[in-house]
């Protein structure tokens, strides 16, 4: 093993922050011999995977709160403003990722899966509150509505039978 490779592996394990600084310097200087190729590849792959997990999590949370906003009727006046704030927060955080075409495509491709997980979560919440919600099996919102900062779902009529 070359000396630079050995130093990189040791530094990566002992001082990750310093390792990053050295890799940035090597990249800026286009010094390919100083780059820790193996760990750089792993870190870049990990970054992408981490971002995609964050997109999935934010999408699920956004969908959960859109469903609660639209379909939850018990103590609605108490919860509504909080749900609206959460919807806004999740949209803002999600929009930071969706400027990337690749991440937007990931969002779209995983919307069904994330809706199913959100649906399960809302149904669990309703079950714990002894409620029976008639939630749609397919997301009832368009992608444009889900991401529109000014759109909130219509409220289920409180007089409706659940």
N, C-alpha and C. Protein backbone atom coordinates (compact mmCIF):
# COMPACT_ATOMS: atom_id res chain seq x y z
N UNK A 1 0.85 -1.19 0.00
CA UNK A 1 0.00 0.00 0.00
C UNK A 1 0.89 1.24 0.00
N UNK A 2 0.55 2.17 -0.87
CA UNK A 2 1.32 3.41 -0.95
C UNK A 2 1.17 4.23 0.32
N UNK A 3 2.12 5.07 0.59
CA UNK A 3 2.13 5.90 1.80
C UNK A 3 0.91 6.83 1.86
N UNK A 4 0.55 7.47 0.74
CA UNK A 4 -0.59 8.39 0.71
C UNK A 4 -1.88 7.63 1.01
N UNK A 5 -2.05 6.45 0.42
CA UNK A 5 -3.24 5.64 0.68
C UNK A 5 -3.35 5.28 2.15
N UNK A 6 -2.23 4.89 2.73
CA UNK A 6 -2.21 4.51 4.15
C UNK A 6 -2.56 5.71 5.03
N UNK A 7 -1.97 6.86 4.71
CA UNK A 7 -2.27 8.08 5.47
C UNK A 7 -3.75 8.44 5.36
N UNK A 8 -4.30 8.35 4.15
CA UNK A 8 -5.72 8.67 3.94
C UNK A 8 -6.61 7.76 4.77
N UNK A 9 -6.35 6.46 4.74
CA UNK A 9 -7.18 5.50 5.48
C UNK A 9 -7.10 5.76 6.98
N UNK A 10 -5.90 6.06 7.46
CA UNK A 10 -5.72 6.34 8.89
C UNK A 10 -6.45 7.62 9.26
N UNK A 11 -6.26 8.67 8.48
CA UNK A 11 -6.89 9.96 8.76
C UNK A 11 -8.41 9.83 8.70
N UNK A 12 -8.91 9.09 7.74
CA UNK A 12 -10.35 8.88 7.59
C UNK A 12 -10.94 8.29 8.87
N UNK A 13 -10.23 7.37 9.47
CA UNK A 13 -10.72 6.71 10.69
C UNK A 13 -10.53 7.57 11.93
N UNK A 14 -9.44 8.33 11.98
CA UNK A 14 -9.10 9.07 13.20
C UNK A 14 -9.68 10.48 13.26
N UNK A 15 -9.72 11.17 12.13
CA UNK A 15 -10.19 12.56 12.13
C UNK A 15 -10.92 12.85 10.82
N UNK A 16 -12.19 12.52 10.81
CA UNK A 16 -13.00 12.63 9.60
C UNK A 16 -13.02 14.07 9.07
N UNK A 17 -13.12 15.04 9.95
CA UNK A 17 -13.15 16.45 9.54
C UNK A 17 -11.88 16.85 8.81
N UNK A 18 -10.75 16.45 9.35
CA UNK A 18 -9.46 16.74 8.71
C UNK A 18 -9.35 16.01 7.37
N UNK A 19 -9.85 14.77 7.33
CA UNK A 19 -9.83 13.99 6.09
C UNK A 19 -10.63 14.73 5.01
N UNK A 20 -11.80 15.26 5.38
CA UNK A 20 -12.61 16.01 4.42
C UNK A 20 -11.84 17.23 3.91
N UNK A 21 -11.24 17.98 4.84
CA UNK A 21 -10.48 19.17 4.44
C UNK A 21 -9.37 18.81 3.45
N UNK A 22 -8.67 17.72 3.71
CA UNK A 22 -7.58 17.31 2.82
C UNK A 22 -8.10 16.85 1.45
N UNK A 23 -9.24 16.20 1.45
CA UNK A 23 -9.82 15.75 0.18
C UNK A 23 -10.28 16.95 -0.64
N UNK A 24 -10.85 17.95 0.02
CA UNK A 24 -11.28 19.17 -0.68
C UNK A 24 -10.07 19.87 -1.30
N UNK A 25 -9.00 19.98 -0.54
CA UNK A 25 -7.78 20.61 -1.06
C UNK A 25 -7.26 19.83 -2.27
N UNK A 26 -7.22 18.51 -2.15
CA UNK A 26 -6.74 17.68 -3.26
C UNK A 26 -7.63 17.85 -4.50
N UNK A 27 -8.94 17.93 -4.29
CA UNK A 27 -9.85 18.14 -5.42
C UNK A 27 -9.63 19.51 -6.07
N UNK A 28 -9.50 20.54 -5.24
CA UNK A 28 -9.28 21.89 -5.77
C UNK A 28 -7.99 21.96 -6.57
N UNK A 29 -6.97 21.26 -6.08
CA UNK A 29 -5.66 21.27 -6.74
C UNK A 29 -5.56 20.23 -7.85
N UNK A 30 -6.63 19.47 -8.04
CA UNK A 30 -6.66 18.39 -9.04
C UNK A 30 -5.51 17.42 -8.83
N UNK A 31 -5.23 17.16 -7.56
CA UNK A 31 -4.16 16.23 -7.18
C UNK A 31 -4.76 14.84 -6.99
N UNK A 32 -4.86 14.11 -8.09
CA UNK A 32 -5.52 12.81 -8.04
C UNK A 32 -4.76 11.79 -7.20
N UNK A 33 -3.47 12.00 -7.02
CA UNK A 33 -2.70 11.04 -6.21
C UNK A 33 -2.98 11.19 -4.72
N UNK A 34 -3.47 12.36 -4.31
CA UNK A 34 -3.74 12.60 -2.89
C UNK A 34 -5.17 12.23 -2.50
N UNK A 35 -5.98 11.88 -3.49
CA UNK A 35 -7.38 11.55 -3.20
C UNK A 35 -7.52 10.14 -2.64
N UNK A 36 -8.40 10.01 -1.68
CA UNK A 36 -8.73 8.72 -1.08
C UNK A 36 -9.93 8.17 -1.84
N UNK A 37 -9.69 7.54 -2.96
CA UNK A 37 -10.73 7.15 -3.90
C UNK A 37 -11.78 6.24 -3.29
N UNK A 38 -11.35 5.26 -2.52
CA UNK A 38 -12.29 4.29 -1.96
C UNK A 38 -13.26 4.97 -1.00
N UNK A 39 -12.73 5.73 -0.06
CA UNK A 39 -13.59 6.38 0.93
C UNK A 39 -14.39 7.53 0.31
N UNK A 40 -13.82 8.22 -0.67
CA UNK A 40 -14.57 9.27 -1.37
C UNK A 40 -15.79 8.69 -2.06
N UNK A 41 -15.61 7.58 -2.74
CA UNK A 41 -16.73 6.94 -3.42
C UNK A 41 -17.81 6.55 -2.43
N UNK A 42 -17.41 5.94 -1.32
CA UNK A 42 -18.38 5.53 -0.30
C UNK A 42 -19.12 6.73 0.28
N UNK A 43 -18.40 7.81 0.54
CA UNK A 43 -19.03 9.00 1.12
C UNK A 43 -20.01 9.65 0.14
N UNK A 44 -19.65 9.71 -1.13
CA UNK A 44 -20.54 10.31 -2.12
C UNK A 44 -21.80 9.46 -2.29
N UNK A 45 -21.63 8.13 -2.35
CA UNK A 45 -22.79 7.24 -2.44
C UNK A 45 -23.67 7.39 -1.20
N UNK A 46 -23.03 7.49 -0.06
CA UNK A 46 -23.76 7.64 1.20
C UNK A 46 -24.54 8.95 1.23
N UNK A 47 -23.94 10.00 0.70
CA UNK A 47 -24.62 11.30 0.63
C UNK A 47 -25.90 11.21 -0.17
N UNK A 48 -25.83 10.61 -1.33
CA UNK A 48 -27.02 10.46 -2.17
C UNK A 48 -28.09 9.62 -1.49
N UNK A 49 -27.68 8.54 -0.86
CA UNK A 49 -28.64 7.66 -0.17
C UNK A 49 -29.28 8.40 1.00
N UNK A 50 -28.48 9.17 1.71
CA UNK A 50 -28.99 9.93 2.86
C UNK A 50 -30.01 10.97 2.40
N UNK A 51 -29.72 11.65 1.32
CA UNK A 51 -30.65 12.65 0.78
C UNK A 51 -31.96 11.99 0.36
N UNK A 52 -31.87 10.82 -0.26
CA UNK A 52 -33.09 10.13 -0.70
C UNK A 52 -33.91 9.65 0.48
N UNK A 53 -33.25 9.23 1.55
CA UNK A 53 -33.99 8.86 2.76
C UNK A 53 -34.69 10.08 3.34
N UNK A 54 -34.01 11.23 3.32
CA UNK A 54 -34.62 12.47 3.82
C UNK A 54 -35.82 12.87 2.96
N UNK A 55 -35.71 12.73 1.65
CA UNK A 55 -36.84 13.04 0.75
C UNK A 55 -38.02 12.15 1.08
N UNK A 56 -37.78 10.86 1.26
CA UNK A 56 -38.86 9.93 1.60
C UNK A 56 -39.50 10.29 2.93
N UNK A 57 -38.69 10.61 3.91
CA UNK A 57 -39.21 10.95 5.23
C UNK A 57 -40.04 12.23 5.19
N UNK A 58 -39.52 13.25 4.52
CA UNK A 58 -40.26 14.52 4.41
C UNK A 58 -41.55 14.33 3.63
N UNK A 59 -41.51 13.52 2.58
CA UNK A 59 -42.71 13.26 1.79
C UNK A 59 -43.77 12.57 2.64
N UNK A 60 -43.35 11.55 3.39
CA UNK A 60 -44.31 10.84 4.26
C UNK A 60 -44.92 11.79 5.28
N UNK A 61 -44.09 12.60 5.91
CA UNK A 61 -44.60 13.54 6.92
C UNK A 61 -45.56 14.56 6.30
N UNK A 62 -45.21 15.03 5.12
CA UNK A 62 -46.09 15.97 4.42
C UNK A 62 -47.43 15.31 4.11
N UNK A 63 -47.41 14.10 3.59
CA UNK A 63 -48.65 13.39 3.26
C UNK A 63 -49.47 13.09 4.50
N UNK A 64 -48.81 12.71 5.58
CA UNK A 64 -49.52 12.45 6.84
C UNK A 64 -50.29 13.70 7.25
N UNK A 65 -49.62 14.84 7.21
CA UNK A 65 -50.26 16.07 7.67
C UNK A 65 -51.33 16.58 6.70
N UNK A 66 -51.15 16.33 5.41
CA UNK A 66 -52.21 16.67 4.46
C UNK A 66 -53.45 15.82 4.71
N UNK A 67 -53.24 14.54 4.99
CA UNK A 67 -54.38 13.66 5.30
C UNK A 67 -55.06 14.07 6.60
N UNK A 68 -54.27 14.35 7.62
CA UNK A 68 -54.85 14.78 8.90
C UNK A 68 -55.64 16.07 8.70
N UNK A 69 -55.06 17.00 7.97
CA UNK A 69 -55.71 18.29 7.72
C UNK A 69 -57.07 18.09 7.04
N UNK A 70 -57.11 17.20 6.07
CA UNK A 70 -58.34 17.01 5.28
C UNK A 70 -59.37 16.12 5.95
N UNK A 71 -58.93 15.08 6.66
CA UNK A 71 -59.88 14.03 7.07
C UNK A 71 -60.13 13.92 8.57
N UNK A 72 -59.27 14.48 9.38
CA UNK A 72 -59.45 14.35 10.83
C UNK A 72 -60.47 15.37 11.29
N UNK A 73 -61.48 14.92 11.99
CA UNK A 73 -62.55 15.84 12.38
C UNK A 73 -62.62 16.09 13.88
N UNK A 74 -62.07 15.21 14.69
CA UNK A 74 -62.15 15.36 16.14
C UNK A 74 -61.18 16.46 16.60
N UNK A 75 -61.69 17.41 17.35
CA UNK A 75 -60.89 18.54 17.85
C UNK A 75 -60.16 19.27 16.71
N UNK A 76 -60.79 19.34 15.58
CA UNK A 76 -60.16 19.92 14.40
C UNK A 76 -59.67 21.34 14.65
N UNK A 77 -60.49 22.16 15.30
CA UNK A 77 -60.11 23.56 15.53
C UNK A 77 -58.81 23.66 16.32
N UNK A 78 -58.60 22.73 17.21
CA UNK A 78 -57.39 22.72 18.03
C UNK A 78 -56.16 22.38 17.19
N UNK A 79 -56.28 21.41 16.30
CA UNK A 79 -55.13 20.88 15.55
C UNK A 79 -54.84 21.59 14.24
N UNK A 80 -55.83 22.20 13.63
CA UNK A 80 -55.72 22.68 12.26
C UNK A 80 -54.54 23.63 12.02
N UNK A 81 -54.37 24.61 12.88
CA UNK A 81 -53.29 25.58 12.65
C UNK A 81 -51.92 24.92 12.78
N UNK A 82 -51.79 23.98 13.70
CA UNK A 82 -50.52 23.26 13.85
C UNK A 82 -50.21 22.40 12.64
N UNK A 83 -51.24 21.74 12.11
CA UNK A 83 -51.04 20.92 10.91
C UNK A 83 -50.64 21.80 9.72
N UNK A 84 -51.25 22.98 9.64
CA UNK A 84 -50.93 23.90 8.54
C UNK A 84 -49.46 24.33 8.62
N UNK A 85 -49.00 24.62 9.82
CA UNK A 85 -47.60 25.00 10.01
C UNK A 85 -46.68 23.85 9.62
N UNK A 86 -47.02 22.63 10.05
CA UNK A 86 -46.21 21.46 9.72
C UNK A 86 -46.19 21.21 8.21
N UNK A 87 -47.33 21.34 7.57
CA UNK A 87 -47.40 21.17 6.11
C UNK A 87 -46.45 22.16 5.45
N UNK A 88 -46.49 23.40 5.89
CA UNK A 88 -45.61 24.43 5.34
C UNK A 88 -44.14 24.09 5.58
N UNK A 89 -43.81 23.65 6.80
CA UNK A 89 -42.42 23.29 7.11
C UNK A 89 -41.92 22.13 6.25
N UNK A 90 -42.74 21.08 6.12
CA UNK A 90 -42.31 19.93 5.32
C UNK A 90 -42.17 20.30 3.85
N UNK A 91 -43.06 21.14 3.35
CA UNK A 91 -42.93 21.59 1.95
C UNK A 91 -41.64 22.37 1.75
N UNK A 92 -41.35 23.28 2.68
CA UNK A 92 -40.12 24.07 2.56
C UNK A 92 -38.89 23.18 2.57
N UNK A 93 -38.84 22.24 3.51
CA UNK A 93 -37.67 21.36 3.60
C UNK A 93 -37.55 20.47 2.36
N UNK A 94 -38.67 19.98 1.88
CA UNK A 94 -38.67 19.12 0.70
C UNK A 94 -38.24 19.89 -0.54
N UNK A 95 -38.67 21.13 -0.65
CA UNK A 95 -38.34 21.93 -1.85
C UNK A 95 -36.83 22.15 -1.97
N UNK A 96 -36.12 22.14 -0.85
CA UNK A 96 -34.66 22.29 -0.91
C UNK A 96 -34.02 21.16 -1.72
N UNK A 97 -34.61 19.98 -1.67
CA UNK A 97 -34.08 18.83 -2.40
C UNK A 97 -34.58 18.79 -3.84
N UNK A 98 -35.80 19.24 -4.07
CA UNK A 98 -36.46 18.97 -5.34
C UNK A 98 -36.03 19.89 -6.48
N UNK A 99 -35.08 20.79 -6.21
CA UNK A 99 -34.49 21.57 -7.29
C UNK A 99 -33.65 20.66 -8.19
N UNK A 100 -33.20 19.56 -7.63
CA UNK A 100 -32.43 18.58 -8.40
C UNK A 100 -33.39 17.69 -9.19
N UNK A 101 -33.17 17.59 -10.48
CA UNK A 101 -34.03 16.77 -11.34
C UNK A 101 -34.02 15.31 -10.87
N UNK A 102 -32.86 14.81 -10.49
CA UNK A 102 -32.74 13.42 -10.02
C UNK A 102 -33.56 13.21 -8.75
N UNK A 103 -33.48 14.15 -7.82
CA UNK A 103 -34.22 14.01 -6.57
C UNK A 103 -35.72 14.20 -6.79
N UNK A 104 -36.10 15.07 -7.73
CA UNK A 104 -37.52 15.23 -8.05
C UNK A 104 -38.07 13.92 -8.62
N UNK A 105 -37.30 13.30 -9.48
CA UNK A 105 -37.71 12.02 -10.05
C UNK A 105 -37.83 10.96 -8.96
N UNK A 106 -36.91 10.98 -8.00
CA UNK A 106 -36.99 10.05 -6.87
C UNK A 106 -38.28 10.30 -6.08
N UNK A 107 -38.59 11.58 -5.85
CA UNK A 107 -39.83 11.95 -5.16
C UNK A 107 -41.04 11.36 -5.88
N UNK A 108 -41.12 11.60 -7.19
CA UNK A 108 -42.25 11.10 -7.98
C UNK A 108 -42.32 9.57 -7.98
N UNK A 109 -41.18 8.92 -8.18
CA UNK A 109 -41.15 7.46 -8.28
C UNK A 109 -41.52 6.77 -6.98
N UNK A 110 -41.36 7.46 -5.86
CA UNK A 110 -41.62 6.85 -4.56
C UNK A 110 -42.88 7.38 -3.89
N UNK A 111 -43.66 8.17 -4.61
CA UNK A 111 -44.84 8.78 -4.02
C UNK A 111 -45.87 7.73 -3.58
N UNK A 112 -46.11 6.73 -4.39
CA UNK A 112 -47.07 5.68 -4.01
C UNK A 112 -46.63 4.97 -2.74
N UNK A 113 -45.37 4.58 -2.70
CA UNK A 113 -44.83 3.88 -1.53
C UNK A 113 -44.93 4.76 -0.28
N UNK A 114 -44.57 6.03 -0.43
CA UNK A 114 -44.61 6.94 0.71
C UNK A 114 -46.04 7.24 1.14
N UNK A 115 -46.96 7.31 0.17
CA UNK A 115 -48.37 7.51 0.53
C UNK A 115 -48.88 6.31 1.33
N UNK A 116 -48.55 5.11 0.89
CA UNK A 116 -49.01 3.91 1.61
C UNK A 116 -48.49 3.90 3.05
N UNK A 117 -47.25 4.33 3.25
CA UNK A 117 -46.70 4.40 4.60
C UNK A 117 -47.39 5.50 5.41
N UNK A 118 -47.66 6.62 4.78
CA UNK A 118 -48.36 7.72 5.46
C UNK A 118 -49.78 7.29 5.83
N UNK A 119 -50.43 6.61 4.91
CA UNK A 119 -51.79 6.12 5.14
C UNK A 119 -51.82 5.18 6.35
N UNK A 120 -50.86 4.30 6.41
CA UNK A 120 -50.76 3.36 7.54
C UNK A 120 -50.59 4.12 8.85
N UNK A 121 -49.77 5.15 8.82
CA UNK A 121 -49.50 5.95 10.02
C UNK A 121 -50.77 6.69 10.49
N UNK A 122 -51.49 7.29 9.56
CA UNK A 122 -52.71 8.01 9.92
C UNK A 122 -53.78 7.04 10.41
N UNK A 123 -53.88 5.89 9.78
CA UNK A 123 -54.84 4.88 10.24
C UNK A 123 -54.50 4.40 11.65
N UNK A 124 -53.22 4.24 11.94
CA UNK A 124 -52.80 3.86 13.30
C UNK A 124 -53.19 4.94 14.31
N UNK A 125 -52.95 6.18 13.94
CA UNK A 125 -53.30 7.31 14.81
C UNK A 125 -54.81 7.32 15.06
N UNK A 126 -55.58 7.10 14.02
CA UNK A 126 -57.04 7.08 14.15
C UNK A 126 -57.49 5.90 15.02
N UNK A 127 -56.88 4.76 14.81
CA UNK A 127 -57.20 3.57 15.60
C UNK A 127 -56.94 3.82 17.09
N UNK A 128 -55.82 4.46 17.38
CA UNK A 128 -55.48 4.79 18.78
C UNK A 128 -56.47 5.77 19.40
N UNK A 129 -57.12 6.56 18.55
CA UNK A 129 -58.12 7.53 19.03
C UNK A 129 -59.54 6.97 18.89
N UNK A 130 -59.64 5.69 18.60
CA UNK A 130 -60.94 5.02 18.41
C UNK A 130 -61.78 5.68 17.32
N UNK A 131 -61.11 6.09 16.25
CA UNK A 131 -61.80 6.70 15.11
C UNK A 131 -61.72 5.77 13.91
N UNK A 132 -62.70 5.90 13.06
CA UNK A 132 -62.69 5.17 11.80
C UNK A 132 -62.69 6.20 10.68
N UNK A 133 -61.55 6.37 10.05
CA UNK A 133 -61.45 7.34 8.96
C UNK A 133 -61.56 6.60 7.63
N UNK A 134 -62.29 7.18 6.73
CA UNK A 134 -62.44 6.59 5.40
C UNK A 134 -61.42 7.24 4.47
N UNK A 135 -60.17 6.82 4.59
CA UNK A 135 -59.10 7.45 3.82
C UNK A 135 -58.95 6.78 2.46
N UNK A 136 -58.66 7.56 1.43
CA UNK A 136 -58.50 6.99 0.09
C UNK A 136 -57.25 6.12 -0.01
N UNK A 137 -57.36 5.02 -0.74
CA UNK A 137 -56.23 4.10 -0.89
C UNK A 137 -55.14 4.66 -1.80
N UNK A 138 -55.50 5.56 -2.70
CA UNK A 138 -54.54 6.24 -3.58
C UNK A 138 -54.53 7.71 -3.17
N UNK A 139 -53.36 8.33 -3.23
CA UNK A 139 -53.30 9.72 -2.76
C UNK A 139 -54.29 10.59 -3.54
N UNK A 140 -55.08 11.36 -2.78
CA UNK A 140 -56.16 12.15 -3.38
C UNK A 140 -55.70 13.53 -3.84
N UNK A 141 -54.41 13.76 -3.83
CA UNK A 141 -53.87 15.07 -4.19
C UNK A 141 -52.98 14.91 -5.42
N UNK A 142 -52.92 15.93 -6.24
CA UNK A 142 -51.98 15.90 -7.37
C UNK A 142 -50.59 16.25 -6.84
N UNK A 143 -49.59 15.95 -7.62
CA UNK A 143 -48.22 16.31 -7.23
C UNK A 143 -48.12 17.83 -7.09
N UNK A 144 -48.76 18.54 -8.00
CA UNK A 144 -48.72 20.01 -7.95
C UNK A 144 -49.33 20.51 -6.64
N UNK A 145 -50.45 19.92 -6.23
CA UNK A 145 -51.09 20.34 -4.98
C UNK A 145 -50.19 20.00 -3.78
N UNK A 146 -49.63 18.82 -3.78
CA UNK A 146 -48.77 18.40 -2.67
C UNK A 146 -47.65 19.40 -2.45
N UNK A 147 -47.10 19.92 -3.53
CA UNK A 147 -45.93 20.80 -3.44
C UNK A 147 -46.26 22.29 -3.44
N UNK A 148 -47.52 22.64 -3.69
CA UNK A 148 -47.94 24.05 -3.79
C UNK A 148 -48.00 24.69 -2.40
N UNK A 149 -47.16 25.69 -2.18
CA UNK A 149 -47.09 26.37 -0.88
C UNK A 149 -48.41 27.01 -0.46
N UNK A 150 -49.26 27.33 -1.41
CA UNK A 150 -50.50 28.03 -1.09
C UNK A 150 -51.73 27.12 -1.08
N UNK A 151 -51.54 25.83 -1.31
CA UNK A 151 -52.69 24.92 -1.38
C UNK A 151 -52.80 24.07 -0.12
N UNK A 152 -54.02 23.97 0.37
CA UNK A 152 -54.34 23.07 1.48
C UNK A 152 -55.58 22.29 1.07
N UNK A 153 -55.67 21.04 1.46
CA UNK A 153 -56.82 20.24 1.02
C UNK A 153 -58.12 20.75 1.62
N UNK A 154 -59.22 20.53 0.90
CA UNK A 154 -60.51 20.89 1.48
C UNK A 154 -60.78 20.03 2.71
N UNK A 155 -61.48 20.61 3.66
CA UNK A 155 -61.77 19.89 4.90
C UNK A 155 -62.97 18.98 4.72
N UNK A 156 -62.87 17.79 5.25
CA UNK A 156 -64.01 16.87 5.27
C UNK A 156 -65.10 17.50 6.12
N UNK A 157 -66.30 17.44 5.65
CA UNK A 157 -67.43 18.00 6.38
C UNK A 157 -67.54 17.33 7.75
N UNK A 158 -67.55 18.11 8.80
CA UNK A 158 -67.61 17.57 10.16
C UNK A 158 -68.89 16.77 10.39
N UNK A 159 -69.95 17.12 9.69
CA UNK A 159 -71.20 16.40 9.86
C UNK A 159 -71.21 15.05 9.13
N UNK A 160 -70.17 14.78 8.33
CA UNK A 160 -70.11 13.51 7.61
C UNK A 160 -69.95 12.37 8.59
N UNK A 161 -70.55 11.28 8.26
CA UNK A 161 -70.41 10.07 9.09
C UNK A 161 -69.04 9.48 8.82
N UNK A 162 -68.33 9.16 9.88
CA UNK A 162 -67.03 8.51 9.72
C UNK A 162 -67.24 7.08 9.91
